[in-house]
C-alpha atoms as a PDB file:
ATOM      1  CA  MET A   1      13.575 -22.634   0.920  1.00  0.00           C
ATOM      2  CA  SER A   2      15.761 -19.492   0.143  1.00  0.00           C
ATOM      3  CA  TYR A   3      13.110 -17.850  -1.923  1.00  0.00           C
ATOM      4  CA  SER A   4       9.274 -17.683  -2.549  1.00  0.00           C
ATOM      5  CA  VAL A   5       7.293 -16.954  -5.683  1.00  0.00           C
ATOM      6  CA  LEU A   6       3.651 -15.656  -5.946  1.00  0.00           C
ATOM      7  CA  HIS A   7       1.471 -14.372  -8.665  1.00  0.00           C
ATOM      8  CA  VAL A   8      -1.182 -11.904  -7.559  1.00  0.00           C
ATOM      9  CA  ASP A   9      -3.873 -13.653  -9.399  1.00  0.00           C
ATOM     10  CA  ASP A  10      -3.403 -16.690  -7.060  1.00  0.00           C
ATOM     11  CA  LEU A  11      -4.542 -14.660  -4.054  1.00  0.00           C
ATOM     12  CA  GLU A  12      -8.116 -14.084  -2.903  1.00  0.00           C
ATOM     13  CA  GLY A  13      -9.249 -10.682  -1.930  1.00  0.00           C
ATOM     14  CA  ALA A  14      -9.556  -9.906   1.721  1.00  0.00           C
ATOM     15  CA  GLY A  15      -9.817  -6.903   4.219  1.00  0.00           C
ATOM     16  CA  PRO A  16     -12.973  -4.919   4.833  1.00  0.00           C
ATOM     17  CA  THR A  17     -13.584  -4.229   1.288  1.00  0.00           C
ATOM     18  CA  GLY A  18     -12.323  -7.451  -0.289  1.00  0.00           C
ATOM     19  CA  GLY A  19      -9.706  -5.480  -2.324  1.00  0.00           C
ATOM     20  CA  VAL A  20      -6.642  -6.374  -0.281  1.00  0.00           C
ATOM     21  CA  LYS A  21      -4.278  -9.200  -1.240  1.00  0.00           C
ATOM     22  CA  PHE A  22      -1.933 -10.157   1.609  1.00  0.00           C
ATOM     23  CA  VAL A  23       1.218 -10.671  -0.106  1.00  0.00           C
ATOM     24  CA  ARG A  24       3.503 -10.475   2.887  1.00  0.00           C
ATOM     25  CA  ARG A  25       1.812 -13.645   4.597  1.00  0.00           C
ATOM     26  CA  VAL A  26       1.975 -15.790   1.624  1.00  0.00           C
ATOM     27  CA  LEU A  27       5.485 -14.987   0.602  1.00  0.00           C
ATOM     28  CA  GLY A  28       6.583 -15.285   4.320  1.00  0.00           C
ATOM     29  CA  VAL A  29       8.138 -11.827   4.417  1.00  0.00           C
ATOM     30  CA  GLU A  30       9.432 -10.948   7.969  1.00  0.00           C
ATOM     31  CA  ALA A  31      11.274  -7.624   7.419  1.00  0.00           C
ATOM     32  CA  PHE A  32       8.479  -5.434   6.238  1.00  0.00           C
ATOM     33  CA  GLY A  33       4.856  -5.476   5.066  1.00  0.00           C
ATOM     34  CA  VAL A  34       3.760  -5.614   1.453  1.00  0.00           C
ATOM     35  CA  ASN A  35       0.160  -5.947   0.112  1.00  0.00           C
ATOM     36  CA  TRP A  36      -1.591  -5.479  -2.996  1.00  0.00           C
ATOM     37  CA  PHE A  37      -4.867  -3.204  -3.198  1.00  0.00           C
ATOM     38  CA  GLU A  38      -7.434  -3.064  -5.938  1.00  0.00           C
ATOM     39  CA  LEU A  39     -10.127  -0.333  -5.690  1.00  0.00           C
ATOM     40  CA  PRO A  40     -13.085  -0.467  -8.188  1.00  0.00           C
ATOM     41  CA  PRO A  41     -13.935   2.769 -10.132  1.00  0.00           C
ATOM     42  CA  ASN A  42     -14.742   5.718  -7.730  1.00  0.00           C
ATOM     43  CA  ALA A  43     -14.419   3.586  -4.583  1.00  0.00           C
ATOM     44  CA  GLU A  44     -12.986   4.799  -1.361  1.00  0.00           C
ATOM     45  CA  GLY A  45     -10.392   2.777   0.591  1.00  0.00           C
ATOM     46  CA  VAL A  46     -10.116   2.640   4.334  1.00  0.00           C
ATOM     47  CA  GLU A  47      -9.073   5.917   6.144  1.00  0.00           C
ATOM     48  CA  HIS A  48      -6.340   5.053   8.604  1.00  0.00           C
ATOM     49  CA  ASP A  49      -2.934   5.903  10.104  1.00  0.00           C
ATOM     50  CA  GLU A  50      -0.327   3.623  11.366  1.00  0.00           C
ATOM     51  CA  SER A  51       0.408   5.375  14.777  1.00  0.00           C
ATOM     52  CA  GLY A  52      -0.481   2.177  16.613  1.00  0.00           C
ATOM     53  CA  THR A  53       2.149   0.114  14.603  1.00  0.00           C
ATOM     54  CA  GLU A  54       4.661   2.883  14.069  1.00  0.00           C
ATOM     55  CA  GLN A  55       5.046   1.881  10.486  1.00  0.00           C
ATOM     56  CA  GLU A  56       6.344   4.209   7.779  1.00  0.00           C
ATOM     57  CA  GLU A  57       4.489   3.346   4.518  1.00  0.00           C
ATOM     58  CA  VAL A  58       5.030   3.702   0.887  1.00  0.00           C
ATOM     59  CA  ASN A  59       2.228   3.206  -1.643  1.00  0.00           C
ATOM     60  CA  VAL A  60       2.981   2.858  -5.326  1.00  0.00           C
ATOM     61  CA  VAL A  61       0.223   3.234  -7.949  1.00  0.00           C
ATOM     62  CA  ILE A  62       0.657   0.617 -10.522  1.00  0.00           C
ATOM     63  CA  ALA A  63      -2.605   0.947 -12.486  1.00  0.00           C
ATOM     64  CA  GLY A  64      -5.507   3.424 -12.900  1.00  0.00           C
ATOM     65  CA  SER A  65      -5.650   6.759 -11.107  1.00  0.00           C
ATOM     66  CA  GLY A  66      -7.334   8.672  -8.393  1.00  0.00           C
ATOM     67  CA  ARG A  67      -6.305  10.570  -5.267  1.00  0.00           C
ATOM     68  CA  TRP A  68      -5.304  10.222  -1.674  1.00  0.00           C
ATOM     69  CA  ARG A  69      -6.993  12.149   1.055  1.00  0.00           C
ATOM     70  CA  ILE A  70      -3.896  12.953   3.338  1.00  0.00           C
ATOM     71  CA  ASP A  71      -4.815  14.754   6.515  1.00  0.00           C
ATOM     72  CA  GLY A  72      -7.592  16.404   4.755  1.00  0.00           C
ATOM     73  CA  GLU A  73      -5.666  17.483   1.732  1.00  0.00           C
ATOM     74  CA  GLU A  74      -6.505  15.897  -1.766  1.00  0.00           C
ATOM     75  CA  VAL A  75      -3.476  14.626  -3.756  1.00  0.00           C
ATOM     76  CA  GLU A  76      -3.894  13.510  -7.290  1.00  0.00           C
ATOM     77  CA  VAL A  77      -2.218  10.275  -8.222  1.00  0.00           C
ATOM     78  CA  SER A  78      -1.697   8.083 -11.358  1.00  0.00           C
ATOM     79  CA  ARG A  79       0.365   5.182 -12.541  1.00  0.00           C
ATOM     80  CA  GLY A  80       3.852   5.517 -11.397  1.00  0.00           C
ATOM     81  CA  THR A  81       3.105   7.774  -8.330  1.00  0.00           C
ATOM     82  CA  PHE A  82       4.881   6.966  -5.003  1.00  0.00           C
ATOM     83  CA  LEU A  83       3.578   8.184  -1.738  1.00  0.00           C
ATOM     84  CA  ARG A  84       5.356   8.052   1.586  1.00  0.00           C
ATOM     85  CA  PHE A  85       3.533   8.492   4.835  1.00  0.00           C
ATOM     86  CA  ASP A  86       4.749   9.048   8.460  1.00  0.00           C
ATOM     87  CA  PRO A  87       2.984   6.706  10.947  1.00  0.00           C
ATOM     88  CA  ASP A  88       0.709   9.291  12.325  1.00  0.00           C
ATOM     89  CA  THR A  89      -0.508  10.807   8.883  1.00  0.00           C
ATOM     90  CA  THR A  90      -4.180  10.012   8.200  1.00  0.00           C
ATOM     91  CA  ARG A  91      -4.644   8.790   4.694  1.00  0.00           C
ATOM     92  CA  MET A  92      -7.407   7.252   2.434  1.00  0.00           C
ATOM     93  CA  PRO A  93      -7.092   6.123  -1.172  1.00  0.00           C
ATOM     94  CA  ILE A  94      -9.952   7.091  -3.466  1.00  0.00           C
ATOM     95  CA  ALA A  95     -10.129   5.525  -6.998  1.00  0.00           C
ATOM     96  CA  GLY A  96     -10.859   7.504 -10.121  1.00  0.00           C
ATOM     97  CA  PRO A  97     -13.236   6.375 -12.882  1.00  0.00           C
ATOM     98  CA  ASP A  98     -11.026   3.547 -14.060  1.00  0.00           C
ATOM     99  CA  GLY A  99     -10.258   2.163 -10.664  1.00  0.00           C
ATOM    100  CA  MET A 100      -6.867   2.057  -8.902  1.00  0.00           C
ATOM    101  CA  THR A 101      -4.424  -0.676  -8.188  1.00  0.00           C
ATOM    102  CA  PHE A 102      -1.442   0.022  -5.758  1.00  0.00           C
ATOM    103  CA  VAL A 103       1.138  -1.752  -3.682  1.00  0.00           C
ATOM    104  CA  GLY A 104       1.658  -0.703  -0.017  1.00  0.00           C
ATOM    105  CA  ILE A 105       4.963  -1.396   1.724  1.00  0.00           C
ATOM    106  CA  GLY A 106       5.520  -0.650   5.412  1.00  0.00           C
ATOM    107  CA  ALA A 107       8.027  -1.049   8.186  1.00  0.00           C
ATOM    108  CA  ARG A 108       8.844   0.528  11.459  1.00  0.00           C
ATOM    109  CA  ARG A 109      10.729   3.723  11.113  1.00  0.00           C
ATOM    110  CA  GLY A 110      14.521   3.274  11.667  1.00  0.00           C
ATOM    111  CA  SER A 111      14.451  -0.515  10.951  1.00  0.00           C
ATOM    112  CA  TYR A 112      16.285  -0.001   7.622  1.00  0.00           C
ATOM    113  CA  GLU A 113      20.121  -0.188   7.771  1.00  0.00           C
ATOM    114  CA  ALA A 114      21.634   1.611   4.722  1.00  0.00           C
ATOM    115  CA  ARG A 115      24.408  -0.111   3.080  1.00  0.00           C
ATOM    116  CA  GLY A 116      26.643   1.403   0.459  1.00  0.00           C
ATOM    117  CA  PRO A 117      25.951   4.628  -1.483  1.00  0.00           C
ATOM    118  CA  PHE A 118      22.475   3.485  -2.449  1.00  0.00           C
END
C-alpha cells in the first residue's frame, strides 16, 4: 500500500509511564521516528538523551503547557512550541497544571537530503 492512516485514539499508551503512543511502528515509517506523548498534570516525563542512537530530535507541543529541563536549564513551553535537541543533550518534559501533549520526531543527523529552496 502506498500510504497509511492512523488516528491517535486507536493507539494504546505504552512506554515506562504509559503516556507514549508509538505512531511510527503502526504507520510503518522507516525514514524517521515519530511518537505521540501525553503527560498528565504536573507529571514528569523520562529524562534521556539520544547519544546511543545518534538521533536529532524535534518535539512539538500540541496541547497544554509545561517546561523542558534541558541540560539542567528550565525552558517554558506551550502549545505551538518547537524544541530541537542534539543527540547528546539531556532533556525531560514536565507537564504544567493542565497536562501536556507533544509529538516527538527523530532521525540520525545528516540523514535528511534537502531538495529545492525549502
